[in-house]
N, C-alpha and C. Protein backbone atom coordinates (compact mmCIF):
# COMPACT_ATOMS: atom_id res chain seq x y z
N MET A 1 27.40 41.52 -34.67
CA MET A 1 27.55 41.35 -33.25
C MET A 1 26.38 40.53 -32.73
N TYR A 2 26.66 39.65 -31.81
CA TYR A 2 25.67 38.72 -31.25
C TYR A 2 24.96 39.40 -30.09
N ASN A 3 23.63 39.49 -30.14
CA ASN A 3 22.86 40.13 -29.08
C ASN A 3 21.91 39.10 -28.48
N SER A 4 22.04 38.82 -27.18
CA SER A 4 21.23 37.77 -26.56
C SER A 4 19.78 38.19 -26.41
N LEU A 5 19.49 39.47 -26.37
CA LEU A 5 18.10 39.91 -26.24
C LEU A 5 17.30 39.59 -27.49
N GLN A 6 17.93 39.57 -28.63
CA GLN A 6 17.23 39.28 -29.87
C GLN A 6 16.94 37.80 -30.02
N ASP A 7 17.67 36.94 -29.30
CA ASP A 7 17.51 35.50 -29.43
C ASP A 7 16.37 34.95 -28.58
N GLN A 8 15.80 35.74 -27.66
CA GLN A 8 14.73 35.24 -26.81
C GLN A 8 13.46 35.09 -27.62
N VAL A 9 12.80 33.97 -27.45
CA VAL A 9 11.57 33.69 -28.17
C VAL A 9 10.41 34.11 -27.29
N SER A 10 9.44 34.81 -27.84
CA SER A 10 8.27 35.25 -27.09
C SER A 10 7.05 34.51 -27.62
N VAL A 11 6.37 33.81 -26.73
CA VAL A 11 5.16 33.08 -27.10
C VAL A 11 3.99 33.81 -26.46
N ALA A 12 2.95 34.06 -27.22
CA ALA A 12 1.79 34.78 -26.70
C ALA A 12 1.16 33.98 -25.56
N GLY A 13 0.84 34.65 -24.47
CA GLY A 13 0.24 34.00 -23.32
C GLY A 13 1.25 33.48 -22.32
N PHE A 14 2.52 33.46 -22.69
CA PHE A 14 3.57 32.98 -21.80
C PHE A 14 4.61 34.06 -21.50
N ASP A 15 4.21 35.30 -21.62
CA ASP A 15 5.12 36.39 -21.32
C ASP A 15 5.36 36.46 -19.82
N ILE A 16 6.54 36.81 -19.45
CA ILE A 16 6.90 36.91 -18.03
C ILE A 16 6.21 38.15 -17.47
N PRO A 17 5.41 37.98 -16.40
CA PRO A 17 4.73 39.15 -15.84
C PRO A 17 5.73 40.04 -15.11
N SER A 18 5.48 41.32 -15.18
CA SER A 18 6.36 42.23 -14.44
C SER A 18 5.87 42.27 -13.00
N SER A 19 6.77 42.06 -12.08
CA SER A 19 6.42 42.08 -10.67
C SER A 19 7.33 43.07 -9.97
N PRO A 20 6.80 43.76 -8.98
CA PRO A 20 7.64 44.75 -8.29
C PRO A 20 8.72 44.07 -7.46
N ASP A 21 9.83 44.77 -7.30
CA ASP A 21 10.94 44.23 -6.51
C ASP A 21 10.52 43.97 -5.07
N ALA A 22 9.54 44.71 -4.57
CA ALA A 22 9.10 44.54 -3.18
C ALA A 22 8.44 43.19 -2.95
N SER A 23 8.00 42.52 -4.00
CA SER A 23 7.36 41.22 -3.81
C SER A 23 8.37 40.11 -3.54
N TYR A 24 9.66 40.41 -3.64
CA TYR A 24 10.68 39.40 -3.42
C TYR A 24 11.38 39.54 -2.07
N ASN A 25 10.92 40.45 -1.24
CA ASN A 25 11.59 40.60 0.05
C ASN A 25 11.06 39.57 1.03
N ASN A 26 11.85 39.26 2.02
CA ASN A 26 11.47 38.28 3.03
C ASN A 26 11.70 38.92 4.39
N VAL A 27 10.63 39.39 5.00
CA VAL A 27 10.73 40.11 6.26
C VAL A 27 10.84 39.11 7.40
N TYR A 28 11.79 39.32 8.28
CA TYR A 28 11.95 38.45 9.44
C TYR A 28 10.90 38.79 10.49
N PRO A 29 10.34 37.77 11.16
CA PRO A 29 9.34 38.07 12.19
C PRO A 29 9.99 38.74 13.39
N ALA A 30 9.20 39.57 14.06
CA ALA A 30 9.70 40.26 15.25
C ALA A 30 9.78 39.27 16.41
N ASN A 31 10.56 39.61 17.42
CA ASN A 31 10.75 38.71 18.57
C ASN A 31 9.45 38.45 19.31
N GLU A 32 8.56 39.44 19.39
CA GLU A 32 7.30 39.22 20.11
C GLU A 32 6.40 38.22 19.38
N GLU A 33 6.56 38.08 18.07
CA GLU A 33 5.77 37.10 17.33
C GLU A 33 6.25 35.69 17.61
N GLU A 34 7.53 35.51 17.87
CA GLU A 34 8.07 34.18 18.15
C GLU A 34 7.69 33.70 19.54
N GLY A 35 7.44 34.61 20.47
CA GLY A 35 7.14 34.24 21.84
C GLY A 35 5.68 33.93 22.10
N ARG A 36 4.82 34.14 21.12
CA ARG A 36 3.39 33.89 21.32
C ARG A 36 3.10 32.40 21.37
N GLU A 37 2.05 32.06 22.11
CA GLU A 37 1.59 30.67 22.18
C GLU A 37 0.91 30.31 20.86
N PRO A 38 0.95 29.04 20.46
CA PRO A 38 0.24 28.64 19.24
C PRO A 38 -1.27 28.75 19.43
N LEU A 39 -1.98 28.84 18.34
CA LEU A 39 -3.43 28.94 18.39
C LEU A 39 -4.02 27.68 19.01
N ALA A 40 -5.15 27.85 19.66
CA ALA A 40 -5.83 26.71 20.28
C ALA A 40 -6.42 25.81 19.20
N LEU A 41 -6.46 24.53 19.50
CA LEU A 41 -7.01 23.55 18.58
C LEU A 41 -8.53 23.71 18.53
N PRO A 42 -9.13 23.78 17.34
CA PRO A 42 -10.59 23.88 17.27
C PRO A 42 -11.25 22.69 17.96
N PRO A 43 -12.40 22.88 18.61
CA PRO A 43 -13.01 21.80 19.39
C PRO A 43 -13.40 20.58 18.55
N HIS A 44 -13.74 20.77 17.29
CA HIS A 44 -14.16 19.61 16.48
C HIS A 44 -12.98 18.71 16.12
N LEU A 45 -11.75 19.19 16.26
CA LEU A 45 -10.59 18.34 15.98
C LEU A 45 -10.12 17.58 17.21
N GLN A 46 -10.74 17.80 18.36
CA GLN A 46 -10.35 17.10 19.57
C GLN A 46 -11.04 15.76 19.72
N HIS A 47 -12.02 15.45 18.88
CA HIS A 47 -12.75 14.19 18.97
C HIS A 47 -12.20 13.23 17.92
N THR A 48 -11.13 12.55 18.25
CA THR A 48 -10.50 11.62 17.33
C THR A 48 -10.67 10.20 17.84
N LEU A 49 -10.39 9.25 16.99
CA LEU A 49 -10.52 7.85 17.39
C LEU A 49 -9.47 7.46 18.43
N LEU A 50 -8.33 8.13 18.43
CA LEU A 50 -7.31 7.81 19.43
C LEU A 50 -7.75 8.21 20.83
N ASN A 51 -8.54 9.26 20.94
CA ASN A 51 -8.98 9.73 22.25
C ASN A 51 -10.34 9.17 22.64
N HIS A 52 -10.90 8.27 21.84
CA HIS A 52 -12.20 7.68 22.15
C HIS A 52 -12.01 6.57 23.19
N PRO A 53 -12.81 6.58 24.26
CA PRO A 53 -12.65 5.54 25.29
C PRO A 53 -13.04 4.17 24.75
N THR A 54 -12.33 3.16 25.19
CA THR A 54 -12.64 1.79 24.78
C THR A 54 -13.28 1.05 25.94
N ASN A 55 -14.07 0.04 25.59
CA ASN A 55 -14.70 -0.76 26.65
C ASN A 55 -14.04 -2.12 26.79
N GLY A 56 -12.97 -2.39 26.06
CA GLY A 56 -12.24 -3.65 26.20
C GLY A 56 -12.74 -4.75 25.28
N ASP A 57 -13.85 -4.55 24.60
CA ASP A 57 -14.39 -5.56 23.70
C ASP A 57 -13.76 -5.38 22.32
N PRO A 58 -12.97 -6.35 21.83
CA PRO A 58 -12.32 -6.18 20.52
C PRO A 58 -13.31 -6.18 19.36
N CYS A 59 -14.51 -6.71 19.55
CA CYS A 59 -15.49 -6.75 18.47
C CYS A 59 -16.37 -5.50 18.44
N ALA A 60 -16.24 -4.64 19.42
CA ALA A 60 -17.07 -3.44 19.46
C ALA A 60 -16.64 -2.47 18.36
N SER A 61 -17.60 -1.79 17.79
CA SER A 61 -17.28 -0.84 16.73
C SER A 61 -17.11 0.55 17.33
N VAL A 62 -16.29 1.34 16.69
CA VAL A 62 -16.07 2.72 17.11
C VAL A 62 -16.95 3.62 16.24
N PRO A 63 -17.26 4.81 16.71
CA PRO A 63 -18.11 5.69 15.90
C PRO A 63 -17.39 6.13 14.62
N SER A 64 -18.16 6.50 13.62
CA SER A 64 -17.58 7.00 12.38
C SER A 64 -16.89 8.33 12.65
N PRO A 65 -15.73 8.54 12.04
CA PRO A 65 -15.02 9.80 12.28
C PRO A 65 -15.70 10.97 11.58
N GLN A 66 -15.49 12.15 12.11
CA GLN A 66 -16.00 13.35 11.46
C GLN A 66 -15.17 13.64 10.22
N ASN A 67 -15.78 14.29 9.24
CA ASN A 67 -15.07 14.58 7.99
C ASN A 67 -13.86 15.48 8.22
N VAL A 68 -13.93 16.37 9.21
CA VAL A 68 -12.81 17.28 9.44
C VAL A 68 -11.59 16.59 10.03
N THR A 69 -11.75 15.39 10.56
CA THR A 69 -10.62 14.68 11.16
C THR A 69 -9.93 13.74 10.17
N LEU A 70 -10.44 13.61 8.97
CA LEU A 70 -9.82 12.73 7.98
C LEU A 70 -8.52 13.35 7.46
N ASN A 71 -7.54 12.49 7.19
CA ASN A 71 -6.26 12.87 6.60
C ASN A 71 -5.45 13.83 7.47
N HIS A 72 -5.61 13.75 8.77
CA HIS A 72 -4.81 14.51 9.72
C HIS A 72 -4.03 13.52 10.59
N LEU A 73 -2.83 13.89 10.97
CA LEU A 73 -2.03 13.06 11.86
C LEU A 73 -2.31 13.47 13.30
N TYR A 74 -2.62 12.50 14.14
CA TYR A 74 -2.96 12.77 15.54
C TYR A 74 -2.05 12.00 16.47
N ILE A 75 -1.86 12.57 17.65
CA ILE A 75 -1.09 11.92 18.69
C ILE A 75 -2.03 11.69 19.87
N GLU A 76 -1.86 10.54 20.52
CA GLU A 76 -2.72 10.20 21.65
C GLU A 76 -2.47 11.16 22.80
N ASN A 77 -3.54 11.60 23.42
CA ASN A 77 -3.45 12.57 24.51
C ASN A 77 -3.55 11.83 25.83
N ARG A 78 -2.41 11.48 26.39
CA ARG A 78 -2.35 10.77 27.67
C ARG A 78 -1.46 11.52 28.62
N GLU A 79 -1.77 11.37 29.88
CA GLU A 79 -0.95 12.01 30.91
C GLU A 79 0.32 11.18 31.14
N PRO A 80 1.44 11.83 31.41
CA PRO A 80 2.64 11.07 31.75
C PRO A 80 2.47 10.39 33.08
N PRO A 81 3.13 9.34 33.44
CA PRO A 81 4.14 8.65 32.64
C PRO A 81 3.48 7.69 31.64
N ARG A 82 4.04 7.61 30.51
CA ARG A 82 3.53 6.69 29.50
C ARG A 82 4.71 5.96 28.88
N SER A 83 4.46 4.73 28.50
CA SER A 83 5.55 3.92 27.95
C SER A 83 5.55 3.93 26.42
N VAL A 84 4.42 4.29 25.81
CA VAL A 84 4.34 4.36 24.35
C VAL A 84 3.61 5.63 23.94
N VAL A 85 3.87 6.05 22.71
CA VAL A 85 3.16 7.15 22.08
C VAL A 85 2.43 6.57 20.88
N ALA A 86 1.16 6.92 20.72
CA ALA A 86 0.37 6.43 19.60
C ALA A 86 0.12 7.56 18.62
N LEU A 87 0.47 7.33 17.35
CA LEU A 87 0.17 8.25 16.26
C LEU A 87 -0.87 7.60 15.38
N GLY A 88 -1.83 8.36 14.91
CA GLY A 88 -2.88 7.78 14.09
C GLY A 88 -3.33 8.70 12.99
N VAL A 89 -3.81 8.11 11.91
CA VAL A 89 -4.38 8.85 10.79
C VAL A 89 -5.53 8.03 10.24
N THR A 90 -6.61 8.71 9.85
CA THR A 90 -7.79 8.04 9.31
C THR A 90 -8.03 8.51 7.89
N HIS A 91 -8.24 7.56 6.99
CA HIS A 91 -8.55 7.84 5.59
C HIS A 91 -9.91 7.25 5.25
N ARG A 92 -10.52 7.80 4.22
CA ARG A 92 -11.77 7.24 3.72
C ARG A 92 -11.45 6.48 2.43
N PHE A 93 -12.00 5.28 2.32
CA PHE A 93 -11.90 4.50 1.10
C PHE A 93 -13.31 4.10 0.71
N ARG A 94 -13.84 4.78 -0.29
CA ARG A 94 -15.24 4.62 -0.71
C ARG A 94 -16.16 4.87 0.48
N SER A 95 -16.89 3.89 0.95
CA SER A 95 -17.80 4.13 2.08
C SER A 95 -17.21 3.66 3.40
N LYS A 96 -15.97 3.19 3.38
CA LYS A 96 -15.32 2.68 4.59
C LYS A 96 -14.28 3.67 5.09
N PHE A 97 -13.93 3.53 6.37
CA PHE A 97 -12.89 4.34 6.97
C PHE A 97 -11.76 3.42 7.42
N VAL A 98 -10.54 3.83 7.15
CA VAL A 98 -9.36 3.04 7.52
C VAL A 98 -8.50 3.90 8.45
N THR A 99 -8.25 3.39 9.64
CA THR A 99 -7.40 4.09 10.61
C THR A 99 -6.13 3.29 10.81
N VAL A 100 -5.01 3.95 10.67
CA VAL A 100 -3.70 3.33 10.89
C VAL A 100 -3.12 3.95 12.15
N VAL A 101 -2.71 3.10 13.08
CA VAL A 101 -2.13 3.56 14.34
C VAL A 101 -0.72 3.02 14.46
N LEU A 102 0.22 3.89 14.78
CA LEU A 102 1.62 3.53 14.98
C LEU A 102 1.94 3.73 16.45
N TYR A 103 2.42 2.68 17.09
CA TYR A 103 2.82 2.75 18.50
C TYR A 103 4.34 2.80 18.56
N LYS A 104 4.86 3.79 19.26
CA LYS A 104 6.31 3.95 19.38
C LYS A 104 6.68 4.03 20.85
N PRO A 105 7.65 3.23 21.29
CA PRO A 105 8.05 3.29 22.70
C PRO A 105 8.71 4.63 23.03
N VAL A 106 8.44 5.11 24.22
CA VAL A 106 9.03 6.35 24.70
C VAL A 106 10.34 6.00 25.41
N PRO A 107 11.44 6.62 25.03
CA PRO A 107 12.71 6.30 25.71
C PRO A 107 12.66 6.76 27.16
N ARG A 108 13.26 5.96 28.02
CA ARG A 108 13.30 6.29 29.44
C ARG A 108 14.32 7.38 29.69
N ARG A 109 13.99 8.25 30.63
CA ARG A 109 14.95 9.29 31.03
C ARG A 109 15.91 8.71 32.05
N ARG A 110 17.15 9.10 31.96
CA ARG A 110 18.17 8.56 32.86
C ARG A 110 18.51 9.54 33.93
């Protein structure tokens, strides 16, 4: 008689760990948890290149970004009405910083 349990190969160090059935449950959040406001943004993440004031000189340099702001996606913080939304991300390449900004038009409300 063919027994599938005998055909399983056991390799030392790769045994399947026994885990309790309770570790596989997925508890739904309560309604009061869904109604809470999101956490406030830490103050050091509010100083991004998108929110830095410009003086109109295209040759002027901007300050070096803080390390905590690298590799995060940011949206420009402007008061409405606005015609475009700016998204930006800053990466480090060796000793240089590269910031990519994407401008997207805001659709008009009818």
